[in-house]
């Protein structure tokens, strides 16, 4: 496990920085890194805004694939559109962005909320560290 953390709105920015550092340490760089971090950030923000205000993030690496799973405690997967919102609509693009930035968005509805996961293949040599980072 590279990173696991429960979060609220107050930790969203710190969590984005931690994800960025963890995936860079695992060998992800450039546009792939930027896109993956932005996708994760959108999912974390969705969990706070639409999924009960809190969530849990888990980031791990298996072989050359990084996976990040965000769990919330309030949303309904069936009610979450993975489509581009109209230009005049404020918000509503987070899931679409996560899907298009990674091509790997998987939503799973649970009794108590939604789990969203994205993955990316690391193109550089991964770091050998397996330390778990805790922020808060």
C-alpha atoms as a PDB file:
ATOM      1  CA  UNK A   1       0.000   0.000   0.000  1.00  0.00           C
ATOM      2  CA  UNK A   2       1.477   3.325  -1.067  1.00  0.00           C
ATOM      3  CA  UNK A   3      -1.096   5.521   0.630  1.00  0.00           C
ATOM      4  CA  UNK A   4      -4.278   5.102   2.592  1.00  0.00           C
ATOM      5  CA  UNK A   5      -6.176   7.891   4.250  1.00  0.00           C
ATOM      6  CA  UNK A   6      -9.619   8.839   5.485  1.00  0.00           C
ATOM      7  CA  UNK A   7     -10.510  12.369   4.419  1.00  0.00           C
ATOM      8  CA  UNK A   8     -12.952  15.241   4.727  1.00  0.00           C
ATOM      9  CA  UNK A   9     -13.187  18.503   2.794  1.00  0.00           C
ATOM     10  CA  UNK A  10     -10.420  19.968   4.958  1.00  0.00           C
ATOM     11  CA  UNK A  11      -7.879  17.386   3.707  1.00  0.00           C
ATOM     12  CA  UNK A  12      -8.607  17.480  -0.052  1.00  0.00           C
ATOM     13  CA  UNK A  13      -5.644  19.705  -1.002  1.00  0.00           C
ATOM     14  CA  UNK A  14      -3.194  17.892   1.282  1.00  0.00           C
ATOM     15  CA  UNK A  15      -4.395  14.570  -0.077  1.00  0.00           C
ATOM     16  CA  UNK A  16      -3.804  15.692  -3.675  1.00  0.00           C
ATOM     17  CA  UNK A  17      -0.206  16.581  -2.775  1.00  0.00           C
ATOM     18  CA  UNK A  18       0.268  13.234  -1.041  1.00  0.00           C
ATOM     19  CA  UNK A  19      -1.103  11.324  -4.044  1.00  0.00           C
ATOM     20  CA  UNK A  20       1.169  13.287  -6.358  1.00  0.00           C
ATOM     21  CA  UNK A  21       4.234  12.482  -4.254  1.00  0.00           C
ATOM     22  CA  UNK A  22       3.294   8.813  -3.898  1.00  0.00           C
ATOM     23  CA  UNK A  23       2.717   8.188  -7.609  1.00  0.00           C
ATOM     24  CA  UNK A  24       5.868  10.097  -8.548  1.00  0.00           C
ATOM     25  CA  UNK A  25       7.763   7.964  -6.033  1.00  0.00           C
ATOM     26  CA  UNK A  26       6.310   4.876  -7.702  1.00  0.00           C
ATOM     27  CA  UNK A  27       7.774   5.986 -11.035  1.00  0.00           C
ATOM     28  CA  UNK A  28       4.850   7.720 -12.738  1.00  0.00           C
ATOM     29  CA  UNK A  29       5.847  10.961 -14.433  1.00  0.00           C
ATOM     30  CA  UNK A  30       4.863  13.546 -17.015  1.00  0.00           C
ATOM     31  CA  UNK A  31       1.404  13.812 -18.464  1.00  0.00           C
ATOM     32  CA  UNK A  32       0.386  10.366 -17.199  1.00  0.00           C
ATOM     33  CA  UNK A  33       1.201  11.471 -13.659  1.00  0.00           C
ATOM     34  CA  UNK A  34      -0.635  14.777 -14.010  1.00  0.00           C
ATOM     35  CA  UNK A  35      -3.708  13.127 -15.526  1.00  0.00           C
ATOM     36  CA  UNK A  36      -3.840  10.379 -12.895  1.00  0.00           C
ATOM     37  CA  UNK A  37      -3.490  12.836 -10.001  1.00  0.00           C
ATOM     38  CA  UNK A  38      -6.211  15.078 -11.468  1.00  0.00           C
ATOM     39  CA  UNK A  39      -8.531  12.073 -11.934  1.00  0.00           C
ATOM     40  CA  UNK A  40      -7.998  11.025  -8.313  1.00  0.00           C
ATOM     41  CA  UNK A  41      -8.559  14.607  -7.143  1.00  0.00           C
ATOM     42  CA  UNK A  42     -11.882  14.751  -9.012  1.00  0.00           C
ATOM     43  CA  UNK A  43     -13.014  11.502  -7.392  1.00  0.00           C
ATOM     44  CA  UNK A  44     -12.013  12.712  -3.925  1.00  0.00           C
ATOM     45  CA  UNK A  45     -13.880  15.974  -4.515  1.00  0.00           C
ATOM     46  CA  UNK A  46     -16.952  14.030  -5.667  1.00  0.00           C
ATOM     47  CA  UNK A  47     -16.843  11.923  -2.507  1.00  0.00           C
ATOM     48  CA  UNK A  48     -16.872  15.067  -0.392  1.00  0.00           C
ATOM     49  CA  UNK A  49     -19.536  16.910  -2.388  1.00  0.00           C
ATOM     50  CA  UNK A  50     -21.888  14.078  -3.282  1.00  0.00           C
ATOM     51  CA  UNK A  51     -20.971  11.092  -1.151  1.00  0.00           C
ATOM     52  CA  UNK A  52     -21.618  12.089   2.410  1.00  0.00           C
ATOM     53  CA  UNK A  53     -18.764  14.536   3.022  1.00  0.00           C
ATOM     54  CA  UNK A  54     -16.098  11.998   3.953  1.00  0.00           C
ATOM     55  CA  UNK A  55     -14.254   9.180   2.273  1.00  0.00           C
ATOM     56  CA  UNK A  56     -11.308   6.856   2.228  1.00  0.00           C
ATOM     57  CA  UNK A  57      -8.519   6.737  -0.354  1.00  0.00           C
ATOM     58  CA  UNK A  58      -6.306   3.719  -0.959  1.00  0.00           C
ATOM     59  CA  UNK A  59      -3.431   3.781  -3.458  1.00  0.00           C
ATOM     60  CA  UNK A  60      -1.412   0.696  -4.284  1.00  0.00           C
ATOM     61  CA  UNK A  61       0.896  -0.690  -6.909  1.00  0.00           C
ATOM     62  CA  UNK A  62       0.799  -4.203  -8.310  1.00  0.00           C
ATOM     63  CA  UNK A  63       3.575  -4.938 -10.795  1.00  0.00           C
ATOM     64  CA  UNK A  64       3.578  -1.874 -13.081  1.00  0.00           C
ATOM     65  CA  UNK A  65      -0.014  -0.770 -12.431  1.00  0.00           C
ATOM     66  CA  UNK A  66      -1.022   1.902  -9.927  1.00  0.00           C
ATOM     67  CA  UNK A  67      -4.605   1.761  -8.689  1.00  0.00           C
ATOM     68  CA  UNK A  68      -6.398   4.328  -6.585  1.00  0.00           C
ATOM     69  CA  UNK A  69      -9.720   3.544  -4.944  1.00  0.00           C
ATOM     70  CA  UNK A  70     -11.913   6.206  -3.370  1.00  0.00           C
ATOM     71  CA  UNK A  71     -14.746   5.097  -1.104  1.00  0.00           C
ATOM     72  CA  UNK A  72     -17.585   7.397  -0.079  1.00  0.00           C
ATOM     73  CA  UNK A  73     -20.465   6.843   2.278  1.00  0.00           C
ATOM     74  CA  UNK A  74     -23.521   8.320   0.673  1.00  0.00           C
ATOM     75  CA  UNK A  75     -23.837   8.351  -3.127  1.00  0.00           C
ATOM     76  CA  UNK A  76     -25.688   6.019  -5.440  1.00  0.00           C
ATOM     77  CA  UNK A  77     -23.681   4.629  -8.399  1.00  0.00           C
ATOM     78  CA  UNK A  78     -26.789   4.376 -10.556  1.00  0.00           C
ATOM     79  CA  UNK A  79     -27.415   8.104 -10.142  1.00  0.00           C
ATOM     80  CA  UNK A  80     -23.888   9.159 -11.126  1.00  0.00           C
ATOM     81  CA  UNK A  81     -23.651  10.139 -14.799  1.00  0.00           C
ATOM     82  CA  UNK A  82     -20.331   9.480 -16.510  1.00  0.00           C
ATOM     83  CA  UNK A  83     -20.997  11.977 -19.267  1.00  0.00           C
ATOM     84  CA  UNK A  84     -19.947  15.467 -20.150  1.00  0.00           C
ATOM     85  CA  UNK A  85     -22.254  18.017 -18.550  1.00  0.00           C
ATOM     86  CA  UNK A  86     -23.702  20.817 -20.706  1.00  0.00           C
ATOM     87  CA  UNK A  87     -21.416  23.872 -20.979  1.00  0.00           C
ATOM     88  CA  UNK A  88     -23.851  26.065 -19.037  1.00  0.00           C
ATOM     89  CA  UNK A  89     -24.012  23.652 -16.087  1.00  0.00           C
ATOM     90  CA  UNK A  90     -21.812  24.362 -13.085  1.00  0.00           C
ATOM     91  CA  UNK A  91     -20.032  21.172 -12.022  1.00  0.00           C
ATOM     92  CA  UNK A  92     -20.991  17.675 -13.009  1.00  0.00           C
ATOM     93  CA  UNK A  93     -17.796  16.817 -14.905  1.00  0.00           C
ATOM     94  CA  UNK A  94     -15.753  14.958 -12.271  1.00  0.00           C
ATOM     95  CA  UNK A  95     -16.616  11.391 -13.245  1.00  0.00           C
ATOM     96  CA  UNK A  96     -16.368  12.203 -16.939  1.00  0.00           C
ATOM     97  CA  UNK A  97     -12.917  13.741 -16.372  1.00  0.00           C
ATOM     98  CA  UNK A  98     -11.701  10.788 -14.301  1.00  0.00           C
ATOM     99  CA  UNK A  99     -12.871   8.387 -17.005  1.00  0.00           C
ATOM    100  CA  UNK A 100     -11.303  10.331 -19.866  1.00  0.00           C
ATOM    101  CA  UNK A 101      -8.054  11.074 -18.065  1.00  0.00           C
ATOM    102  CA  UNK A 102      -7.434   7.410 -17.226  1.00  0.00           C
ATOM    103  CA  UNK A 103      -9.800   5.331 -19.361  1.00  0.00           C
ATOM    104  CA  UNK A 104     -10.210   3.014 -16.385  1.00  0.00           C
ATOM    105  CA  UNK A 105     -12.966   4.393 -14.147  1.00  0.00           C
ATOM    106  CA  UNK A 106     -14.885   1.654 -12.343  1.00  0.00           C
ATOM    107  CA  UNK A 107     -17.859   2.541 -10.118  1.00  0.00           C
ATOM    108  CA  UNK A 108     -19.228   0.044  -7.624  1.00  0.00           C
ATOM    109  CA  UNK A 109     -22.407   0.681  -5.674  1.00  0.00           C
ATOM    110  CA  UNK A 110     -22.406  -0.563  -2.089  1.00  0.00           C
ATOM    111  CA  UNK A 111     -25.164  -0.480   0.501  1.00  0.00           C
ATOM    112  CA  UNK A 112     -23.498   2.487   2.225  1.00  0.00           C
ATOM    113  CA  UNK A 113     -22.149   4.426  -0.763  1.00  0.00           C
ATOM    114  CA  UNK A 114     -19.971   4.204  -3.844  1.00  0.00           C
ATOM    115  CA  UNK A 115     -16.453   3.013  -4.587  1.00  0.00           C
ATOM    116  CA  UNK A 116     -14.674   4.639  -7.541  1.00  0.00           C
ATOM    117  CA  UNK A 117     -11.355   3.287  -8.827  1.00  0.00           C
ATOM    118  CA  UNK A 118      -8.892   4.364 -11.506  1.00  0.00           C
ATOM    119  CA  UNK A 119      -5.652   2.759 -12.661  1.00  0.00           C
ATOM    120  CA  UNK A 120      -2.618   3.644 -14.721  1.00  0.00           C
ATOM    121  CA  UNK A 121       0.354   1.705 -16.026  1.00  0.00           C
ATOM    122  CA  UNK A 122       3.681   3.046 -14.794  1.00  0.00           C
ATOM    123  CA  UNK A 123       6.083   3.573 -17.684  1.00  0.00           C
ATOM    124  CA  UNK A 124       9.183   4.286 -15.577  1.00  0.00           C
ATOM    125  CA  UNK A 125      10.878   1.999 -13.093  1.00  0.00           C
ATOM    126  CA  UNK A 126       8.854   1.952  -9.874  1.00  0.00           C
ATOM    127  CA  UNK A 127      10.438   3.004  -6.615  1.00  0.00           C
ATOM    128  CA  UNK A 128      11.275   0.172  -4.283  1.00  0.00           C
ATOM    129  CA  UNK A 129       9.723   1.804  -1.233  1.00  0.00           C
ATOM    130  CA  UNK A 130       6.553   0.206   0.086  1.00  0.00           C
ATOM    131  CA  UNK A 131       6.163   2.527   3.058  1.00  0.00           C
ATOM    132  CA  UNK A 132       2.634   3.617   3.876  1.00  0.00           C
ATOM    133  CA  UNK A 133       2.208   7.378   4.096  1.00  0.00           C
ATOM    134  CA  UNK A 134      -0.157   8.834   6.683  1.00  0.00           C
ATOM    135  CA  UNK A 135      -0.994  12.526   6.636  1.00  0.00           C
ATOM    136  CA  UNK A 136      -3.454  13.182   9.427  1.00  0.00           C
END
